[in-house]
Amino acid sequence: MSGVSEAHFARSFRQAFGIPPHRYLLTRRVERATALLRDTDLAITDIAFQTGWSSLGTFGRTFRDITGESPGDLRQRLQAIRHDLERVPHCFVSAAHRPDLRIAVSEKRRLQADDRGGPSEREVP
């Protein structure tokens, strides 16, 4: 659609936004899922499908890797906290809840496995 190759688009996107397009998309999807978990009573499966995942397992694993919590645990924690944010602009609330995805999810898993003494394909300098 943009009239450029996928590689050129990816490079330009990363240069403009500081992260690759896939990480940006994952961040937005997890951000939307977090809002749905917090603000609705939809089933976690429905939230997974509404935010673009075709597999509940992939959604749960990716969500946990990015946020550090399972979707169910996050929902329980957020619903237990009384939210008094009506006076705060929505853009500030969204930015505060935005996941910080600076490295690839698979790289994060590999580093965590290395920290636990698990097998590694390559050494980290």
N, C-alpha and C. Protein backbone atom coordinates (compact mmCIF):
# COMPACT_ATOMS: atom_id res chain seq x y z
N MET A 1 0.82 -1.20 0.00
CA MET A 1 0.00 0.00 0.00
C MET A 1 0.86 1.26 0.00
N SER A 2 2.01 1.21 0.66
CA SER A 2 2.83 2.41 0.77
C SER A 2 3.69 2.63 -0.46
N GLY A 3 3.79 1.63 -1.33
CA GLY A 3 4.58 1.78 -2.55
C GLY A 3 6.07 1.55 -2.35
N VAL A 4 6.46 1.01 -1.20
CA VAL A 4 7.87 0.71 -0.94
C VAL A 4 7.98 -0.76 -0.52
N SER A 5 9.18 -1.29 -0.56
CA SER A 5 9.38 -2.69 -0.16
C SER A 5 9.13 -2.84 1.34
N GLU A 6 8.86 -4.09 1.76
CA GLU A 6 8.64 -4.36 3.19
C GLU A 6 9.86 -3.97 4.01
N ALA A 7 11.05 -4.27 3.50
CA ALA A 7 12.28 -3.96 4.23
C ALA A 7 12.45 -2.45 4.39
N HIS A 8 12.18 -1.71 3.32
CA HIS A 8 12.32 -0.25 3.41
C HIS A 8 11.29 0.33 4.38
N PHE A 9 10.07 -0.19 4.31
CA PHE A 9 9.03 0.26 5.24
C PHE A 9 9.45 0.00 6.68
N ALA A 10 9.94 -1.21 6.95
CA ALA A 10 10.35 -1.58 8.31
C ALA A 10 11.48 -0.66 8.80
N ARG A 11 12.47 -0.41 7.95
CA ARG A 11 13.57 0.48 8.34
C ARG A 11 13.07 1.90 8.61
N SER A 12 12.22 2.39 7.72
CA SER A 12 11.69 3.75 7.89
C SER A 12 10.83 3.86 9.14
N PHE A 13 10.02 2.84 9.39
CA PHE A 13 9.17 2.83 10.58
C PHE A 13 10.02 2.85 11.84
N ARG A 14 11.04 2.00 11.86
CA ARG A 14 11.92 1.95 13.04
C ARG A 14 12.64 3.27 13.25
N GLN A 15 13.07 3.88 12.17
CA GLN A 15 13.75 5.17 12.28
C GLN A 15 12.80 6.24 12.82
N ALA A 16 11.55 6.20 12.39
CA ALA A 16 10.58 7.22 12.82
C ALA A 16 10.09 6.99 14.25
N PHE A 17 9.84 5.73 14.63
CA PHE A 17 9.20 5.45 15.91
C PHE A 17 10.11 4.81 16.95
N GLY A 18 11.30 4.37 16.53
CA GLY A 18 12.26 3.81 17.48
C GLY A 18 12.10 2.32 17.74
N ILE A 19 11.06 1.71 17.22
CA ILE A 19 10.84 0.27 17.37
C ILE A 19 10.33 -0.28 16.04
N PRO A 20 10.56 -1.57 15.80
CA PRO A 20 10.06 -2.18 14.56
C PRO A 20 8.53 -2.23 14.53
N PRO A 21 7.94 -2.32 13.34
CA PRO A 21 6.48 -2.34 13.23
C PRO A 21 5.81 -3.46 14.02
N HIS A 22 6.42 -4.63 14.06
CA HIS A 22 5.80 -5.75 14.78
C HIS A 22 5.72 -5.47 16.28
N ARG A 23 6.77 -4.91 16.85
CA ARG A 23 6.74 -4.58 18.29
C ARG A 23 5.72 -3.49 18.57
N TYR A 24 5.63 -2.52 17.66
CA TYR A 24 4.63 -1.47 17.81
C TYR A 24 3.23 -2.08 17.82
N LEU A 25 2.97 -2.98 16.88
CA LEU A 25 1.67 -3.63 16.80
C LEU A 25 1.38 -4.45 18.05
N LEU A 26 2.36 -5.22 18.53
CA LEU A 26 2.17 -6.00 19.76
C LEU A 26 1.84 -5.09 20.94
N THR A 27 2.55 -3.98 21.03
CA THR A 27 2.33 -3.04 22.12
C THR A 27 0.91 -2.50 22.09
N ARG A 28 0.44 -2.10 20.91
CA ARG A 28 -0.92 -1.57 20.79
C ARG A 28 -1.96 -2.65 21.10
N ARG A 29 -1.73 -3.89 20.66
CA ARG A 29 -2.68 -4.96 20.91
C ARG A 29 -2.76 -5.29 22.40
N VAL A 30 -1.62 -5.34 23.07
CA VAL A 30 -1.61 -5.61 24.51
C VAL A 30 -2.23 -4.44 25.27
N GLU A 31 -1.97 -3.23 24.81
CA GLU A 31 -2.56 -2.04 25.44
C GLU A 31 -4.10 -2.10 25.34
N ARG A 32 -4.61 -2.46 24.18
CA ARG A 32 -6.05 -2.58 23.98
C ARG A 32 -6.63 -3.71 24.83
N ALA A 33 -5.93 -4.84 24.86
CA ALA A 33 -6.39 -5.97 25.68
C ALA A 33 -6.42 -5.59 27.15
N THR A 34 -5.43 -4.85 27.62
CA THR A 34 -5.40 -4.40 29.02
C THR A 34 -6.61 -3.52 29.32
N ALA A 35 -6.93 -2.62 28.40
CA ALA A 35 -8.09 -1.75 28.61
C ALA A 35 -9.38 -2.56 28.66
N LEU A 36 -9.50 -3.55 27.78
CA LEU A 36 -10.70 -4.40 27.79
C LEU A 36 -10.79 -5.24 29.06
N LEU A 37 -9.65 -5.74 29.53
CA LEU A 37 -9.63 -6.50 30.78
C LEU A 37 -10.05 -5.62 31.95
N ARG A 38 -9.61 -4.39 31.94
CA ARG A 38 -9.89 -3.45 33.03
C ARG A 38 -11.33 -2.95 32.99
N ASP A 39 -11.83 -2.66 31.79
CA ASP A 39 -13.08 -1.91 31.67
C ASP A 39 -14.31 -2.75 31.30
N THR A 40 -14.13 -4.01 30.97
CA THR A 40 -15.27 -4.84 30.56
C THR A 40 -15.28 -6.15 31.33
N ASP A 41 -16.37 -6.87 31.17
CA ASP A 41 -16.48 -8.21 31.75
C ASP A 41 -16.42 -9.28 30.66
N LEU A 42 -15.89 -8.91 29.48
CA LEU A 42 -15.75 -9.87 28.39
C LEU A 42 -14.86 -11.03 28.81
N ALA A 43 -15.14 -12.20 28.26
CA ALA A 43 -14.28 -13.35 28.53
C ALA A 43 -12.90 -13.10 27.94
N ILE A 44 -11.89 -13.65 28.57
CA ILE A 44 -10.51 -13.46 28.10
C ILE A 44 -10.35 -13.98 26.68
N THR A 45 -11.03 -15.06 26.34
CA THR A 45 -10.99 -15.59 24.98
C THR A 45 -11.53 -14.57 23.99
N ASP A 46 -12.65 -13.92 24.31
CA ASP A 46 -13.21 -12.90 23.43
C ASP A 46 -12.26 -11.72 23.27
N ILE A 47 -11.61 -11.33 24.34
CA ILE A 47 -10.65 -10.23 24.28
C ILE A 47 -9.48 -10.60 23.39
N ALA A 48 -9.00 -11.83 23.51
CA ALA A 48 -7.89 -12.29 22.67
C ALA A 48 -8.26 -12.18 21.19
N PHE A 49 -9.44 -12.66 20.84
CA PHE A 49 -9.86 -12.62 19.44
C PHE A 49 -10.12 -11.19 18.97
N GLN A 50 -10.69 -10.35 19.83
CA GLN A 50 -10.97 -8.96 19.45
C GLN A 50 -9.69 -8.15 19.25
N THR A 51 -8.61 -8.54 19.90
CA THR A 51 -7.37 -7.79 19.78
C THR A 51 -6.40 -8.40 18.78
N GLY A 52 -6.88 -9.37 18.01
CA GLY A 52 -6.10 -9.84 16.87
C GLY A 52 -5.39 -11.17 17.00
N TRP A 53 -5.51 -11.85 18.13
CA TRP A 53 -4.87 -13.16 18.25
C TRP A 53 -5.84 -14.23 17.79
N SER A 54 -5.32 -15.25 17.16
CA SER A 54 -6.16 -16.36 16.73
C SER A 54 -6.03 -17.55 17.67
N SER A 55 -5.13 -17.45 18.64
CA SER A 55 -4.90 -18.53 19.60
C SER A 55 -4.86 -17.95 21.01
N LEU A 56 -5.66 -18.53 21.89
CA LEU A 56 -5.68 -18.09 23.28
C LEU A 56 -4.33 -18.34 23.95
N GLY A 57 -3.68 -19.44 23.61
CA GLY A 57 -2.38 -19.76 24.19
C GLY A 57 -1.32 -18.74 23.80
N THR A 58 -1.30 -18.35 22.54
CA THR A 58 -0.34 -17.34 22.08
C THR A 58 -0.62 -16.00 22.74
N PHE A 59 -1.89 -15.65 22.84
CA PHE A 59 -2.26 -14.40 23.50
C PHE A 59 -1.77 -14.39 24.94
N GLY A 60 -2.08 -15.46 25.68
CA GLY A 60 -1.69 -15.51 27.09
C GLY A 60 -0.19 -15.47 27.29
N ARG A 61 0.55 -16.22 26.47
CA ARG A 61 2.01 -16.25 26.59
C ARG A 61 2.62 -14.89 26.24
N THR A 62 2.17 -14.29 25.14
CA THR A 62 2.70 -13.00 24.73
C THR A 62 2.33 -11.92 25.74
N PHE A 63 1.09 -11.94 26.23
CA PHE A 63 0.63 -10.96 27.21
C PHE A 63 1.47 -11.05 28.47
N ARG A 64 1.73 -12.27 28.94
CA ARG A 64 2.55 -12.46 30.14
C ARG A 64 3.98 -12.02 29.91
N ASP A 65 4.53 -12.31 28.74
CA ASP A 65 5.90 -11.91 28.44
C ASP A 65 6.06 -10.40 28.44
N ILE A 66 5.04 -9.69 27.97
CA ILE A 66 5.13 -8.23 27.86
C ILE A 66 4.80 -7.54 29.18
N THR A 67 3.74 -7.99 29.85
CA THR A 67 3.29 -7.30 31.06
C THR A 67 3.82 -7.90 32.35
N GLY A 68 4.24 -9.16 32.30
CA GLY A 68 4.69 -9.83 33.51
C GLY A 68 3.57 -10.51 34.28
N GLU A 69 2.33 -10.40 33.80
CA GLU A 69 1.18 -11.01 34.46
C GLU A 69 0.32 -11.71 33.42
N SER A 70 -0.39 -12.72 33.86
CA SER A 70 -1.35 -13.36 32.96
C SER A 70 -2.55 -12.43 32.82
N PRO A 71 -3.32 -12.57 31.74
CA PRO A 71 -4.51 -11.71 31.58
C PRO A 71 -5.48 -11.81 32.76
N GLY A 72 -5.69 -13.02 33.28
CA GLY A 72 -6.60 -13.20 34.41
C GLY A 72 -6.09 -12.52 35.68
N ASP A 73 -4.79 -12.66 35.95
CA ASP A 73 -4.20 -12.02 37.13
C ASP A 73 -4.28 -10.50 37.02
N LEU A 74 -4.00 -9.99 35.82
CA LEU A 74 -4.06 -8.53 35.62
C LEU A 74 -5.48 -8.03 35.84
N ARG A 75 -6.46 -8.75 35.30
CA ARG A 75 -7.86 -8.35 35.47
C ARG A 75 -8.23 -8.32 36.95
N GLN A 76 -7.87 -9.33 37.70
CA GLN A 76 -8.19 -9.37 39.14
C GLN A 76 -7.54 -8.19 39.86
N ARG A 77 -6.27 -7.92 39.55
CA ARG A 77 -5.57 -6.83 40.23
C ARG A 77 -6.19 -5.48 39.88
N LEU A 78 -6.48 -5.25 38.60
CA LEU A 78 -7.03 -3.96 38.18
C LEU A 78 -8.44 -3.74 38.70
N GLN A 79 -9.23 -4.79 38.75
CA GLN A 79 -10.60 -4.63 39.23
C GLN A 79 -10.66 -4.51 40.75
N ALA A 80 -9.61 -4.96 41.44
CA ALA A 80 -9.57 -4.82 42.90
C ALA A 80 -9.21 -3.40 43.31
N ILE A 81 -8.53 -2.70 42.42
CA ILE A 81 -8.11 -1.32 42.71
C ILE A 81 -9.25 -0.38 42.32
N ARG A 82 -9.58 0.52 43.20
CA ARG A 82 -10.61 1.50 42.87
C ARG A 82 -9.97 2.56 41.98
N HIS A 83 -10.56 2.75 40.82
CA HIS A 83 -10.02 3.72 39.86
C HIS A 83 -10.70 5.07 40.05
N ASP A 84 -9.88 6.07 40.36
CA ASP A 84 -10.39 7.43 40.50
C ASP A 84 -9.67 8.29 39.47
N LEU A 85 -9.86 7.97 38.19
CA LEU A 85 -9.11 8.63 37.13
C LEU A 85 -9.99 9.47 36.21
N GLU A 86 -11.20 9.78 36.63
CA GLU A 86 -12.11 10.53 35.77
C GLU A 86 -11.57 11.90 35.38
N ARG A 87 -10.78 12.52 36.26
CA ARG A 87 -10.27 13.86 35.99
C ARG A 87 -8.97 13.87 35.19
N VAL A 88 -8.38 12.71 35.00
CA VAL A 88 -7.12 12.61 34.27
C VAL A 88 -7.43 12.39 32.79
N PRO A 89 -6.82 13.17 31.88
CA PRO A 89 -7.07 12.96 30.44
C PRO A 89 -6.73 11.54 30.02
N HIS A 90 -7.58 10.99 29.16
CA HIS A 90 -7.43 9.60 28.73
C HIS A 90 -6.06 9.33 28.11
N CYS A 91 -5.50 10.29 27.37
CA CYS A 91 -4.20 10.06 26.73
C CYS A 91 -3.10 9.83 27.77
N PHE A 92 -3.18 10.49 28.92
CA PHE A 92 -2.20 10.29 29.98
C PHE A 92 -2.36 8.92 30.63
N VAL A 93 -3.60 8.51 30.85
CA VAL A 93 -3.87 7.20 31.43
C VAL A 93 -3.36 6.11 30.49
N SER A 94 -3.64 6.25 29.19
CA SER A 94 -3.18 5.26 28.21
C SER A 94 -1.66 5.18 28.18
N ALA A 95 -1.00 6.32 28.20
CA ALA A 95 0.47 6.33 28.17
C ALA A 95 1.05 5.67 29.42
N ALA A 96 0.40 5.87 30.56
CA ALA A 96 0.90 5.28 31.80
C ALA A 96 0.75 3.77 31.81
N HIS A 97 -0.27 3.25 31.12
CA HIS A 97 -0.51 1.81 31.09
C HIS A 97 0.13 1.14 29.89
N ARG A 98 0.79 1.91 29.03
CA ARG A 98 1.38 1.34 27.82
C ARG A 98 2.56 0.45 28.18
N PRO A 99 2.59 -0.79 27.67
CA PRO A 99 3.72 -1.67 27.97
C PRO A 99 4.99 -1.17 27.32
N ASP A 100 6.11 -1.39 27.98
CA ASP A 100 7.41 -0.94 27.48
C ASP A 100 8.09 -2.11 26.79
N LEU A 101 7.91 -2.20 25.49
CA LEU A 101 8.41 -3.33 24.73
C LEU A 101 9.60 -2.86 23.90
N ARG A 102 10.79 -2.89 24.50
CA ARG A 102 12.00 -2.41 23.83
C ARG A 102 12.79 -3.51 23.15
N ILE A 103 12.57 -4.75 23.55
CA ILE A 103 13.25 -5.86 22.89
C ILE A 103 12.20 -6.86 22.42
N ALA A 104 12.58 -7.69 21.48
CA ALA A 104 11.66 -8.70 20.97
C ALA A 104 11.24 -9.63 22.08
N VAL A 105 10.00 -10.09 22.03
CA VAL A 105 9.47 -10.98 23.06
C VAL A 105 10.31 -12.25 23.12
N SER A 106 10.69 -12.79 21.96
CA SER A 106 11.50 -14.01 21.96
C SER A 106 12.87 -13.76 22.59
N GLU A 107 13.44 -12.59 22.38
CA GLU A 107 14.73 -12.24 22.98
C GLU A 107 14.57 -12.13 24.50
N LYS A 108 13.45 -11.55 24.95
CA LYS A 108 13.20 -11.43 26.38
C LYS A 108 13.10 -12.82 27.02
N ARG A 109 12.40 -13.76 26.35
CA ARG A 109 12.30 -15.13 26.87
C ARG A 109 13.67 -15.78 26.95
N ARG A 110 14.49 -15.58 25.91
CA ARG A 110 15.82 -16.18 25.89
C ARG A 110 16.67 -15.63 27.03
N LEU A 111 16.62 -14.34 27.26
CA LEU A 111 17.40 -13.74 28.35
C LEU A 111 16.92 -14.25 29.71
N GLN A 112 15.62 -14.42 29.88
CA GLN A 112 15.09 -14.95 31.14
C GLN A 112 15.55 -16.39 31.34
N ALA A 113 15.59 -17.17 30.26
CA ALA A 113 16.06 -18.55 30.36
C ALA A 113 17.54 -18.57 30.75
N ASP A 114 18.32 -17.65 30.20
CA ASP A 114 19.74 -17.57 30.55
C ASP A 114 19.91 -17.21 32.03
N ASP A 115 19.07 -16.30 32.54
CA ASP A 115 19.15 -15.91 33.94
C ASP A 115 18.83 -17.07 34.88
N ARG A 116 17.97 -17.98 34.43
CA ARG A 116 17.61 -19.14 35.24
C ARG A 116 18.59 -20.28 35.03
N GLY A 117 19.60 -20.07 34.19
CA GLY A 117 20.58 -21.12 33.95
C GLY A 117 20.15 -22.12 32.91
N GLY A 118 19.14 -21.74 32.12
CA GLY A 118 18.63 -22.63 31.08
C GLY A 118 19.54 -22.67 29.88
N PRO A 119 19.26 -23.58 28.94
CA PRO A 119 20.08 -23.67 27.74
C PRO A 119 19.96 -22.43 26.88
N SER A 120 21.03 -22.08 26.23
CA SER A 120 21.08 -20.90 25.38
C SER A 120 21.69 -21.27 24.04
N GLU A 121 21.14 -20.67 22.97
CA GLU A 121 21.70 -20.94 21.65
C GLU A 121 23.01 -20.19 21.43
N ARG A 122 23.11 -19.04 22.06
CA ARG A 122 24.34 -18.26 21.94
C ARG A 122 24.56 -17.47 23.22
N GLU A 123 25.79 -17.13 23.47
CA GLU A 123 26.12 -16.37 24.67
C GLU A 123 25.84 -14.89 24.46
N VAL A 124 25.37 -14.22 25.50
CA VAL A 124 25.14 -12.79 25.46
C VAL A 124 26.40 -12.10 25.95
N PRO A 125 26.95 -11.15 25.17
CA PRO A 125 28.20 -10.48 25.61
C PRO A 125 27.99 -9.63 26.84
